[in-house]
Amino acid sequence: MTVSYIPNGVCSKKIEFELEGNIVKNIEFISGCQGNLKAICLLVDGYSAQDIIFKFKGIQCKSRGTSCPDQLAKALELELNS
């Protein structure tokens, strides 16, 4: 299943990923810090949603109170709880 999420409070405009059962694949951030975000996507491709949530939830970028990784964790939580 392909999921699209509109993040809040970050430079990225959209997060898309595939969820196969509990496994997250093909993550893509639209806009934002592309070098860092591409690396993050490659590093966690194939991980379980729970592992990504555990690692990324609460990470902050500057004083925004959130970050692109934190927004990915929120998108995964939202999808798992729907």
Protein backbone atom coordinates (compact mmCIF):
# COMPACT_ATOMS: atom_id res chain seq x y z
CA MET A 1 0.00 0.00 0.00
CA THR A 2 1.35 3.43 -0.94
CA VAL A 3 0.90 6.18 1.64
CA SER A 4 1.15 9.96 1.16
CA TYR A 5 1.52 12.27 4.15
CA ILE A 6 1.65 16.07 4.29
CA PRO A 7 4.12 17.00 7.06
CA ASN A 8 3.78 20.02 9.34
CA GLY A 9 6.46 22.41 10.56
CA VAL A 10 9.27 21.22 8.26
CA CYS A 11 10.73 22.12 4.87
CA SER A 12 9.55 18.91 3.24
CA LYS A 13 6.20 19.26 1.45
CA LYS A 14 5.20 15.58 1.25
CA ILE A 15 6.34 12.15 2.42
CA GLU A 16 5.48 9.06 0.42
CA PHE A 17 6.24 5.45 1.30
CA GLU A 18 5.04 1.92 0.78
CA LEU A 19 3.89 -0.18 3.70
CA GLU A 20 3.96 -3.93 3.13
CA GLY A 21 2.51 -5.38 6.28
CA ASN A 22 4.76 -3.75 8.86
CA ILE A 23 7.73 -3.15 6.54
CA VAL A 24 8.42 0.33 5.16
CA LYS A 25 9.84 0.62 1.64
CA ASN A 26 10.51 3.23 -1.04
CA ILE A 27 10.39 6.27 1.24
CA GLU A 28 10.53 9.62 -0.55
CA PHE A 29 10.54 13.15 0.83
CA ILE A 30 9.41 15.90 -1.55
CA SER A 31 11.53 19.05 -0.95
CA GLY A 32 13.62 19.59 2.16
CA CYS A 33 17.31 18.80 2.71
CA GLN A 34 17.59 16.30 -0.13
CA GLY A 35 21.04 14.87 0.65
CA ASN A 36 20.17 14.08 4.25
CA LEU A 37 16.68 12.88 3.43
CA LYS A 38 17.88 10.55 0.66
CA ALA A 39 20.37 9.04 3.09
CA ILE A 40 17.68 8.55 5.75
CA CYS A 41 15.43 6.86 3.18
CA LEU A 42 18.15 4.45 2.11
CA LEU A 43 19.18 3.66 5.69
CA VAL A 44 15.71 2.65 6.90
CA ASP A 45 14.33 1.07 3.71
CA GLY A 46 13.09 -2.38 4.67
CA TYR A 47 12.84 -1.64 8.42
CA SER A 48 9.70 -2.25 10.43
CA ALA A 49 7.48 0.74 11.04
CA GLN A 50 7.89 0.29 14.81
CA ASP A 51 11.70 0.42 14.55
CA ILE A 52 11.56 3.64 12.52
CA ILE A 53 9.07 5.20 14.95
CA PHE A 54 11.28 4.25 17.91
CA LYS A 55 14.40 5.77 16.30
CA PHE A 56 12.87 8.93 14.78
CA LYS A 57 10.05 10.02 17.09
CA GLY A 58 10.88 13.26 18.87
CA ILE A 59 13.91 14.28 16.77
CA GLN A 60 13.93 18.06 16.37
CA CYS A 61 15.33 20.32 13.66
CA LYS A 62 16.52 23.58 15.16
CA SER A 63 13.73 24.95 17.38
CA ARG A 64 10.84 23.73 15.25
CA GLY A 65 9.65 21.11 17.72
CA THR A 66 9.72 18.51 14.95
CA SER A 67 11.84 17.35 11.99
CA CYS A 68 11.43 15.41 8.78
CA PRO A 69 12.34 12.13 10.54
CA ASP A 70 9.86 12.96 13.33
CA GLN A 71 7.20 13.64 10.71
CA LEU A 72 7.91 10.26 9.11
CA ALA A 73 7.40 8.66 12.53
CA LYS A 74 4.08 10.52 12.88
CA ALA A 75 2.98 9.38 9.41
CA LEU A 76 3.81 5.78 10.30
CA GLU A 77 1.99 5.99 13.63
CA LEU A 78 -1.05 7.46 11.91
CA GLU A 79 -1.07 4.71 9.31
CA LEU A 80 -0.58 1.91 11.86
CA ASN A 81 -3.41 3.26 14.01
CA SER A 82 -5.90 3.70 11.17
